[in-house]
Amino acid sequence: QLATADLVVIHKTDGLDAATLAQVEAAVRAETPAGVKL
């Protein structure tokens, strides 16, 4: 689902601190084509 994305919506971010969000973004970026906006 990430490999085919043109845009990724990281949802339900309320309540997550900056470090946790960075962790989530790293996991998503690992599978998302370069240049795709999060």
PDB file of all heavy atoms in Angstrom:
ATOM      1  N   GLN A   1       0.828  -1.206   0.000  1.00  0.00           N
ATOM      2  CA  GLN A   1       0.000   0.000   0.000  1.00  0.00           C
ATOM      3  C   GLN A   1       0.862   1.256   0.000  1.00  0.00           C
ATOM      4  O   GLN A   1       0.496   2.270  -0.589  1.00  0.00           O
ATOM      5  CB  GLN A   1      -0.935  -0.017   1.204  1.00  0.00           C
ATOM      6  CG  GLN A   1      -2.033  -1.063   1.098  1.00  0.00           C
ATOM      7  CD  GLN A   1      -2.900  -1.144   2.339  1.00  0.00           C
ATOM      8  OE1 GLN A   1      -2.526  -0.663   3.407  1.00  0.00           O
ATOM      9  NE2 GLN A   1      -4.061  -1.768   2.202  1.00  0.00           N
ATOM     10  N   LEU A   2       2.016   1.204   0.651  1.00  0.00           N
ATOM     11  CA  LEU A   2       2.933   2.339   0.646  1.00  0.00           C
ATOM     12  C   LEU A   2       3.699   2.430  -0.672  1.00  0.00           C
ATOM     13  O   LEU A   2       3.965   3.536  -1.168  1.00  0.00           O
ATOM     14  CB  LEU A   2       3.912   2.233   1.808  1.00  0.00           C
ATOM     15  CG  LEU A   2       3.322   2.436   3.206  1.00  0.00           C
ATOM     16  CD1 LEU A   2       4.381   2.171   4.274  1.00  0.00           C
ATOM     17  CD2 LEU A   2       2.748   3.840   3.366  1.00  0.00           C
ATOM     18  N   ALA A   3       4.033   1.296  -1.261  1.00  0.00           N
ATOM     19  CA  ALA A   3       4.825   1.288  -2.490  1.00  0.00           C
ATOM     20  C   ALA A   3       4.084   1.898  -3.667  1.00  0.00           C
ATOM     21  O   ALA A   3       4.705   2.346  -4.639  1.00  0.00           O
ATOM     22  CB  ALA A   3       5.247  -0.140  -2.827  1.00  0.00           C
ATOM     23  N   THR A   4       2.763   1.924  -3.601  1.00  0.00           N
ATOM     24  CA  THR A   4       1.968   2.453  -4.706  1.00  0.00           C
ATOM     25  C   THR A   4       1.475   3.885  -4.445  1.00  0.00           C
ATOM     26  O   THR A   4       0.744   4.438  -5.256  1.00  0.00           O
ATOM     27  CB  THR A   4       0.748   1.557  -4.960  1.00  0.00           C
ATOM     28  OG1 THR A   4      -0.004   1.429  -3.744  1.00  0.00           O
ATOM     29  CG2 THR A   4       1.179   0.170  -5.422  1.00  0.00           C
ATOM     30  N   ALA A   5       1.895   4.496  -3.340  1.00  0.00           N
ATOM     31  CA  ALA A   5       1.311   5.770  -2.907  1.00  0.00           C
ATOM     32  C   ALA A   5       1.896   6.972  -3.642  1.00  0.00           C
ATOM     33  O   ALA A   5       3.083   7.011  -3.963  1.00  0.00           O
ATOM     34  CB  ALA A   5       1.505   5.953  -1.406  1.00  0.00           C
ATOM     35  N   ASP A   6       1.026   7.957  -3.878  1.00  0.00           N
ATOM     36  CA  ASP A   6       1.444   9.290  -4.322  1.00  0.00           C
ATOM     37  C   ASP A   6       1.382  10.289  -3.170  1.00  0.00           C
ATOM     38  O   ASP A   6       2.006  11.348  -3.230  1.00  0.00           O
ATOM     39  CB  ASP A   6       0.537   9.778  -5.463  1.00  0.00           C
ATOM     40  CG  ASP A   6       0.648   8.892  -6.683  1.00  0.00           C
ATOM     41  OD1 ASP A   6       1.655   8.998  -7.394  1.00  0.00           O
ATOM     42  OD2 ASP A   6      -0.281   8.092  -6.923  1.00  0.00           O
ATOM     43  N   LEU A   7       0.610   9.959  -2.132  1.00  0.00           N
ATOM     44  CA  LEU A   7       0.494  10.770  -0.929  1.00  0.00           C
ATOM     45  C   LEU A   7       0.201   9.818   0.227  1.00  0.00           C
ATOM     46  O   LEU A   7      -0.613   8.903   0.088  1.00  0.00           O
ATOM     47  CB  LEU A   7      -0.641  11.793  -1.063  1.00  0.00           C
ATOM     48  CG  LEU A   7      -0.976  12.622   0.186  1.00  0.00           C
ATOM     49  CD1 LEU A   7       0.118  13.648   0.455  1.00  0.00           C
ATOM     50  CD2 LEU A   7      -2.328  13.343   0.011  1.00  0.00           C
ATOM     51  N   VAL A   8       0.854  10.021   1.369  1.00  0.00           N
ATOM     52  CA  VAL A   8       0.595   9.210   2.553  1.00  0.00           C
ATOM     53  C   VAL A   8       0.025  10.109   3.639  1.00  0.00           C
ATOM     54  O   VAL A   8       0.633  11.123   3.998  1.00  0.00           O
ATOM     55  CB  VAL A   8       1.870   8.514   3.064  1.00  0.00           C
ATOM     56  CG1 VAL A   8       1.576   7.727   4.345  1.00  0.00           C
ATOM     57  CG2 VAL A   8       2.432   7.570   2.002  1.00  0.00           C
ATOM     58  N   VAL A   9      -1.153   9.731   4.155  1.00  0.00           N
ATOM     59  CA  VAL A   9      -1.772  10.441   5.267  1.00  0.00           C
ATOM     60  C   VAL A   9      -1.467   9.649   6.538  1.00  0.00           C
ATOM     61  O   VAL A   9      -1.964   8.538   6.712  1.00  0.00           O
ATOM     62  CB  VAL A   9      -3.294  10.576   5.073  1.00  0.00           C
ATOM     63  CG1 VAL A   9      -3.919  11.238   6.298  1.00  0.00           C
ATOM     64  CG2 VAL A   9      -3.599  11.377   3.812  1.00  0.00           C
ATOM     65  N   ILE A  10      -0.626  10.212   7.401  1.00  0.00           N
ATOM     66  CA  ILE A  10      -0.333   9.580   8.693  1.00  0.00           C
ATOM     67  C   ILE A  10      -1.422  10.039   9.651  1.00  0.00           C
ATOM     68  O   ILE A  10      -1.443  11.183  10.086  1.00  0.00           O
ATOM     69  CB  ILE A  10       1.071   9.959   9.177  1.00  0.00           C
ATOM     70  CG1 ILE A  10       2.110   9.469   8.159  1.00  0.00           C
ATOM     71  CG2 ILE A  10       1.352   9.338  10.541  1.00  0.00           C
ATOM     72  CD1 ILE A  10       3.541   9.765   8.548  1.00  0.00           C
ATOM     73  N   HIS A  11      -2.330   9.131   9.945  1.00  0.00           N
ATOM     74  CA  HIS A  11      -3.600   9.467  10.589  1.00  0.00           C
ATOM     75  C   HIS A  11      -3.546   9.191  12.090  1.00  0.00           C
ATOM     76  O   HIS A  11      -2.733   8.410  12.556  1.00  0.00           O
ATOM     77  CB  HIS A  11      -4.712   8.639   9.932  1.00  0.00           C
ATOM     78  CG  HIS A  11      -6.070   9.218  10.101  1.00  0.00           C
ATOM     79  ND1 HIS A  11      -7.190   8.446  10.227  1.00  0.00           N
ATOM     80  CD2 HIS A  11      -6.507  10.511  10.165  1.00  0.00           C
ATOM     81  CE1 HIS A  11      -8.255   9.216  10.344  1.00  0.00           C
ATOM     82  NE2 HIS A  11      -7.859  10.471  10.324  1.00  0.00           N
ATOM     83  N   LYS A  12      -4.436   9.856  12.821  1.00  0.00           N
ATOM     84  CA  LYS A  12      -4.578   9.688  14.273  1.00  0.00           C
ATOM     85  C   LYS A  12      -3.300  10.104  15.012  1.00  0.00           C
ATOM     86  O   LYS A  12      -2.851   9.437  15.947  1.00  0.00           O
ATOM     87  CB  LYS A  12      -4.940   8.240  14.627  1.00  0.00           C
ATOM     88  CG  LYS A  12      -6.145   7.679  13.874  1.00  0.00           C
ATOM     89  CD  LYS A  12      -6.378   6.239  14.246  1.00  0.00           C
ATOM     90  CE  LYS A  12      -7.477   5.608  13.412  1.00  0.00           C
ATOM     91  NZ  LYS A  12      -7.679   4.183  13.715  1.00  0.00           N
ATOM     92  N   THR A  13      -2.716  11.223  14.603  1.00  0.00           N
ATOM     93  CA  THR A  13      -1.459  11.665  15.191  1.00  0.00           C
ATOM     94  C   THR A  13      -1.642  12.400  16.514  1.00  0.00           C
ATOM     95  O   THR A  13      -0.662  12.627  17.230  1.00  0.00           O
ATOM     96  CB  THR A  13      -0.705  12.589  14.220  1.00  0.00           C
ATOM     97  OG1 THR A  13      -1.553  13.700  13.870  1.00  0.00           O
ATOM     98  CG2 THR A  13      -0.313  11.843  12.955  1.00  0.00           C
ATOM     99  N   ASP A  14      -2.863  12.790  16.847  1.00  0.00           N
ATOM    100  CA  ASP A  14      -3.085  13.482  18.107  1.00  0.00           C
ATOM    101  C   ASP A  14      -2.730  12.569  19.272  1.00  0.00           C
ATOM    102  O   ASP A  14      -3.093  11.399  19.302  1.00  0.00           O
ATOM    103  CB  ASP A  14      -4.547  13.948  18.219  1.00  0.00           C
ATOM    104  CG  ASP A  14      -5.540  12.871  17.821  1.00  0.00           C
ATOM    105  OD1 ASP A  14      -5.239  12.134  16.873  1.00  0.00           O
ATOM    106  OD2 ASP A  14      -6.602  12.760  18.462  1.00  0.00           O
ATOM    107  N   GLY A  15      -1.997  13.099  20.218  1.00  0.00           N
ATOM    108  CA  GLY A  15      -1.599  12.315  21.374  1.00  0.00           C
ATOM    109  C   GLY A  15      -0.232  11.671  21.245  1.00  0.00           C
ATOM    110  O   GLY A  15       0.286  11.126  22.227  1.00  0.00           O
ATOM    111  N   LEU A  16       0.366  11.708  20.059  1.00  0.00           N
ATOM    112  CA  LEU A  16       1.695  11.139  19.867  1.00  0.00           C
ATOM    113  C   LEU A  16       2.741  12.249  19.974  1.00  0.00           C
ATOM    114  O   LEU A  16       2.582  13.316  19.389  1.00  0.00           O
ATOM    115  CB  LEU A  16       1.802  10.458  18.500  1.00  0.00           C
ATOM    116  CG  LEU A  16       0.836   9.294  18.234  1.00  0.00           C
ATOM    117  CD1 LEU A  16       1.128   8.674  16.880  1.00  0.00           C
ATOM    118  CD2 LEU A  16       0.931   8.240  19.330  1.00  0.00           C
ATOM    119  N   ASP A  17       3.819  12.001  20.705  1.00  0.00           N
ATOM    120  CA  ASP A  17       4.850  13.022  20.848  1.00  0.00           C
ATOM    121  C   ASP A  17       5.753  13.041  19.616  1.00  0.00           C
ATOM    122  O   ASP A  17       5.651  12.198  18.720  1.00  0.00           O
ATOM    123  CB  ASP A  17       5.664  12.800  22.121  1.00  0.00           C
ATOM    124  CG  ASP A  17       6.321  11.416  22.171  1.00  0.00           C
ATOM    125  OD1 ASP A  17       6.679  10.884  21.112  1.00  0.00           O
ATOM    126  OD2 ASP A  17       6.468  10.884  23.286  1.00  0.00           O
ATOM    127  N   ALA A  18       6.660  14.024  19.581  1.00  0.00           N
ATOM    128  CA  ALA A  18       7.499  14.232  18.396  1.00  0.00           C
ATOM    129  C   ALA A  18       8.378  13.022  18.112  1.00  0.00           C
ATOM    130  O   ALA A  18       8.567  12.642  16.943  1.00  0.00           O
ATOM    131  CB  ALA A  18       8.347  15.489  18.584  1.00  0.00           C
ATOM    132  N   ALA A  19       8.927  12.407  19.159  1.00  0.00           N
ATOM    133  CA  ALA A  19       9.800  11.256  18.952  1.00  0.00           C
ATOM    134  C   ALA A  19       9.032  10.076  18.353  1.00  0.00           C
ATOM    135  O   ALA A  19       9.522   9.374  17.465  1.00  0.00           O
ATOM    136  CB  ALA A  19      10.452  10.854  20.276  1.00  0.00           C
ATOM    137  N   THR A  20       7.814   9.867  18.840  1.00  0.00           N
ATOM    138  CA  THR A  20       6.997   8.769  18.328  1.00  0.00           C
ATOM    139  C   THR A  20       6.604   9.019  16.881  1.00  0.00           C
ATOM    140  O   THR A  20       6.638   8.107  16.041  1.00  0.00           O
ATOM    141  CB  THR A  20       5.742   8.579  19.196  1.00  0.00           C
ATOM    142  OG1 THR A  20       6.130   8.359  20.549  1.00  0.00           O
ATOM    143  CG2 THR A  20       4.929   7.390  18.707  1.00  0.00           C
ATOM    144  N   LEU A  21       6.232  10.261  16.568  1.00  0.00           N
ATOM    145  CA  LEU A  21       5.887  10.595  15.184  1.00  0.00           C
ATOM    146  C   LEU A  21       7.091  10.387  14.262  1.00  0.00           C
ATOM    147  O   LEU A  21       6.930   9.914  13.131  1.00  0.00           O
ATOM    148  CB  LEU A  21       5.401  12.037  15.099  1.00  0.00           C
ATOM    149  CG  LEU A  21       3.963  12.283  15.546  1.00  0.00           C
ATOM    150  CD1 LEU A  21       3.644  13.777  15.529  1.00  0.00           C
ATOM    151  CD2 LEU A  21       2.976  11.532  14.650  1.00  0.00           C
ATOM    152  N   ALA A  22       8.265  10.734  14.737  1.00  0.00           N
ATOM    153  CA  ALA A  22       9.469  10.516  13.930  1.00  0.00           C
ATOM    154  C   ALA A  22       9.687   9.029  13.671  1.00  0.00           C
ATOM    155  O   ALA A  22      10.090   8.623  12.574  1.00  0.00           O
ATOM    156  CB  ALA A  22      10.680  11.119  14.635  1.00  0.00           C
ATOM    157  N   GLN A  23       9.412   8.207  14.683  1.00  0.00           N
ATOM    158  CA  GLN A  23       9.526   6.758  14.525  1.00  0.00           C
ATOM    159  C   GLN A  23       8.545   6.252  13.472  1.00  0.00           C
ATOM    160  O   GLN A  23       8.888   5.426  12.618  1.00  0.00           O
ATOM    161  CB  GLN A  23       9.255   6.079  15.859  1.00  0.00           C
ATOM    162  CG  GLN A  23       9.118   4.570  15.791  1.00  0.00           C
ATOM    163  CD  GLN A  23       8.486   3.978  17.045  1.00  0.00           C
ATOM    164  OE1 GLN A  23       8.429   4.637  18.083  1.00  0.00           O
ATOM    165  NE2 GLN A  23       7.997   2.758  16.936  1.00  0.00           N
ATOM    166  N   VAL A  24       7.295   6.746  13.535  1.00  0.00           N
ATOM    167  CA  VAL A  24       6.283   6.335  12.561  1.00  0.00           C
ATOM    168  C   VAL A  24       6.696   6.760  11.153  1.00  0.00           C
ATOM    169  O   VAL A  24       6.598   5.990  10.197  1.00  0.00           O
ATOM    170  CB  VAL A  24       4.914   6.934  12.938  1.00  0.00           C
ATOM    171  CG1 VAL A  24       3.897   6.689  11.825  1.00  0.00           C
ATOM    172  CG2 VAL A  24       4.413   6.356  14.253  1.00  0.00           C
ATOM    173  N   GLU A  25       7.156   8.005  11.017  1.00  0.00           N
ATOM    174  CA  GLU A  25       7.569   8.487   9.704  1.00  0.00           C
ATOM    175  C   GLU A  25       8.717   7.666   9.143  1.00  0.00           C
ATOM    176  O   GLU A  25       8.764   7.387   7.941  1.00  0.00           O
ATOM    177  CB  GLU A  25       7.955   9.965   9.780  1.00  0.00           C
ATOM    178  CG  GLU A  25       6.778  10.909   9.922  1.00  0.00           C
ATOM    179  CD  GLU A  25       7.113  12.324   9.486  1.00  0.00           C
ATOM    180  OE1 GLU A  25       8.268  12.546   9.049  1.00  0.00           O
ATOM    181  OE2 GLU A  25       6.233  13.205   9.565  1.00  0.00           O
ATOM    182  N   ALA A  26       9.666   7.268   9.999  1.00  0.00           N
ATOM    183  CA  ALA A  26      10.789   6.454   9.535  1.00  0.00           C
ATOM    184  C   ALA A  26      10.313   5.114   8.989  1.00  0.00           C
ATOM    185  O   ALA A  26      10.794   4.639   7.951  1.00  0.00           O
ATOM    186  CB  ALA A  26      11.790   6.247  10.671  1.00  0.00           C
ATOM    187  N   ALA A  27       9.346   4.496   9.687  1.00  0.00           N
ATOM    188  CA  ALA A  27       8.811   3.217   9.231  1.00  0.00           C
ATOM    189  C   ALA A  27       8.088   3.371   7.895  1.00  0.00           C
ATOM    190  O   ALA A  27       8.191   2.517   7.015  1.00  0.00           O
ATOM    191  CB  ALA A  27       7.867   2.646  10.285  1.00  0.00           C
ATOM    192  N   VAL A  28       7.365   4.466   7.745  1.00  0.00           N
ATOM    193  CA  VAL A  28       6.639   4.705   6.497  1.00  0.00           C
ATOM    194  C   VAL A  28       7.606   5.033   5.366  1.00  0.00           C
ATOM    195  O   VAL A  28       7.493   4.508   4.251  1.00  0.00           O
ATOM    196  CB  VAL A  28       5.616   5.844   6.694  1.00  0.00           C
ATOM    197  CG1 VAL A  28       5.013   6.264   5.358  1.00  0.00           C
ATOM    198  CG2 VAL A  28       4.512   5.404   7.654  1.00  0.00           C
ATOM    199  N   ARG A  29       8.575   5.888   5.648  1.00  0.00           N
ATOM    200  CA  ARG A  29       9.544   6.286   4.617  1.00  0.00           C
ATOM    201  C   ARG A  29      10.312   5.084   4.069  1.00  0.00           C
ATOM    202  O   ARG A  29      10.696   5.071   2.895  1.00  0.00           O
ATOM    203  CB  ARG A  29      10.537   7.288   5.196  1.00  0.00           C
ATOM    204  CG  ARG A  29      10.001   8.696   5.375  1.00  0.00           C
ATOM    205  CD  ARG A  29       9.875   9.401   4.049  1.00  0.00           C
ATOM    206  NE  ARG A  29       9.476  10.799   4.207  1.00  0.00           N
ATOM    207  CZ  ARG A  29       8.886  11.507   3.268  1.00  0.00           C
ATOM    208  NH1 ARG A  29       8.598  10.930   2.100  1.00  0.00           N
ATOM    209  NH2 ARG A  29       8.563  12.763   3.472  1.00  0.00           N
ATOM    210  N   ALA A  30      10.548   4.087   4.915  1.00  0.00           N
ATOM    211  CA  ALA A  30      11.315   2.919   4.491  1.00  0.00           C
ATOM    212  C   ALA A  30      10.642   2.170   3.351  1.00  0.00           C
ATOM    213  O   ALA A  30      11.303   1.447   2.601  1.00  0.00           O
ATOM    214  CB  ALA A  30      11.536   1.980   5.673  1.00  0.00           C
ATOM    215  N   GLU A  31       9.320   2.335   3.200  1.00  0.00           N
ATOM    216  CA  GLU A  31       8.573   1.584   2.184  1.00  0.00           C
ATOM    217  C   GLU A  31       7.910   2.482   1.159  1.00  0.00           C
ATOM    218  O   GLU A  31       7.184   1.993   0.289  1.00  0.00           O
ATOM    219  CB  GLU A  31       7.506   0.720   2.864  1.00  0.00           C
ATOM    220  CG  GLU A  31       8.033  -0.228   3.918  1.00  0.00           C
ATOM    221  CD  GLU A  31       9.066  -1.196   3.373  1.00  0.00           C
ATOM    222  OE1 GLU A  31       9.028  -1.491   2.162  1.00  0.00           O
ATOM    223  OE2 GLU A  31       9.918  -1.643   4.158  1.00  0.00           O
ATOM    224  N   THR A  32       8.141   3.780   1.226  1.00  0.00           N
ATOM    225  CA  THR A  32       7.458   4.731   0.348  1.00  0.00           C
ATOM    226  C   THR A  32       8.418   5.245  -0.719  1.00  0.00           C
ATOM    227  O   THR A  32       9.572   5.542  -0.405  1.00  0.00           O
ATOM    228  CB  THR A  32       6.917   5.921   1.168  1.00  0.00           C
ATOM    229  OG1 THR A  32       6.089   5.417   2.217  1.00  0.00           O
ATOM    230  CG2 THR A  32       6.092   6.847   0.303  1.00  0.00           C
ATOM    231  N   PRO A  33       7.975   5.351  -1.981  1.00  0.00           N
ATOM    232  CA  PRO A  33       8.864   5.876  -3.024  1.00  0.00           C
ATOM    233  C   PRO A  33       9.393   7.267  -2.686  1.00  0.00           C
ATOM    234  O   PRO A  33       8.718   8.060  -2.018  1.00  0.00           O
ATOM    235  CB  PRO A  33       7.950   5.918  -4.262  1.00  0.00           C
ATOM    236  CG  PRO A  33       6.891   4.897  -3.987  1.00  0.00           C
ATOM    237  CD  PRO A  33       6.670   4.941  -2.507  1.00  0.00           C
ATOM    238  N   ALA A  34      10.597   7.556  -3.143  1.00  0.00           N
ATOM    239  CA  ALA A  34      11.210   8.861  -2.895  1.00  0.00           C
ATOM    240  C   ALA A  34      10.335   9.966  -3.468  1.00  0.00           C
ATOM    241  O   ALA A  34       9.758   9.833  -4.559  1.00  0.00           O
ATOM    242  CB  ALA A  34      12.601   8.905  -3.522  1.00  0.00           C
ATOM    243  N   GLY A  35      10.224  11.045  -2.718  1.00  0.00           N
ATOM    244  CA  GLY A  35       9.476  12.204  -3.188  1.00  0.00           C
ATOM    245  C   GLY A  35       8.013  12.209  -2.822  1.00  0.00           C
ATOM    246  O   GLY A  35       7.324  13.206  -3.052  1.00  0.00           O
ATOM    247  N   VAL A  36       7.508  11.110  -2.264  1.00  0.00           N
ATOM    248  CA  VAL A  36       6.099  11.063  -1.863  1.00  0.00           C
ATOM    249  C   VAL A  36       5.919  11.862  -0.581  1.00  0.00           C
ATOM    250  O   VAL A  36       6.655  11.680   0.388  1.00  0.00           O
ATOM    251  CB  VAL A  36       5.632   9.614  -1.664  1.00  0.00           C
ATOM    252  CG1 VAL A  36       4.242   9.560  -1.037  1.00  0.00           C
ATOM    253  CG2 VAL A  36       5.638   8.874  -2.996  1.00  0.00           C
ATOM    254  N   LYS A  37       4.938  12.737  -0.558  1.00  0.00           N
ATOM    255  CA  LYS A  37       4.704  13.613   0.579  1.00  0.00           C
ATOM    256  C   LYS A  37       3.971  12.874   1.691  1.00  0.00           C
ATOM    257  O   LYS A  37       3.049  12.098   1.424  1.00  0.00           O
ATOM    258  CB  LYS A  37       3.882  14.832   0.150  1.00  0.00           C
ATOM    259  CG  LYS A  37       3.656  15.874   1.252  1.00  0.00           C
ATOM    260  CD  LYS A  37       2.894  17.076   0.697  1.00  0.00           C
ATOM    261  CE  LYS A  37       2.625  18.106   1.778  1.00  0.00           C
ATOM    262  NZ  LYS A  37       3.859  18.684   2.340  1.00  0.00           N
ATOM    263  N   LEU A  38       4.389  13.103   2.943  1.00  0.00           N
ATOM    264  CA  LEU A  38       3.692  12.588   4.116  1.00  0.00           C
ATOM    265  C   LEU A  38       3.000  13.754   4.822  1.00  0.00           C
ATOM    266  O   LEU A  38       3.612  14.796   5.055  1.00  0.00           O
ATOM    267  CB  LEU A  38       4.659  11.925   5.100  1.00  0.00           C
ATOM    268  CG  LEU A  38       5.642  10.878   4.573  1.00  0.00           C
ATOM    269  CD1 LEU A  38       6.419  10.258   5.737  1.00  0.00           C
ATOM    270  CD2 LEU A  38       4.939   9.806   3.771  1.00  0.00           C
TER     271      LEU A  38
END
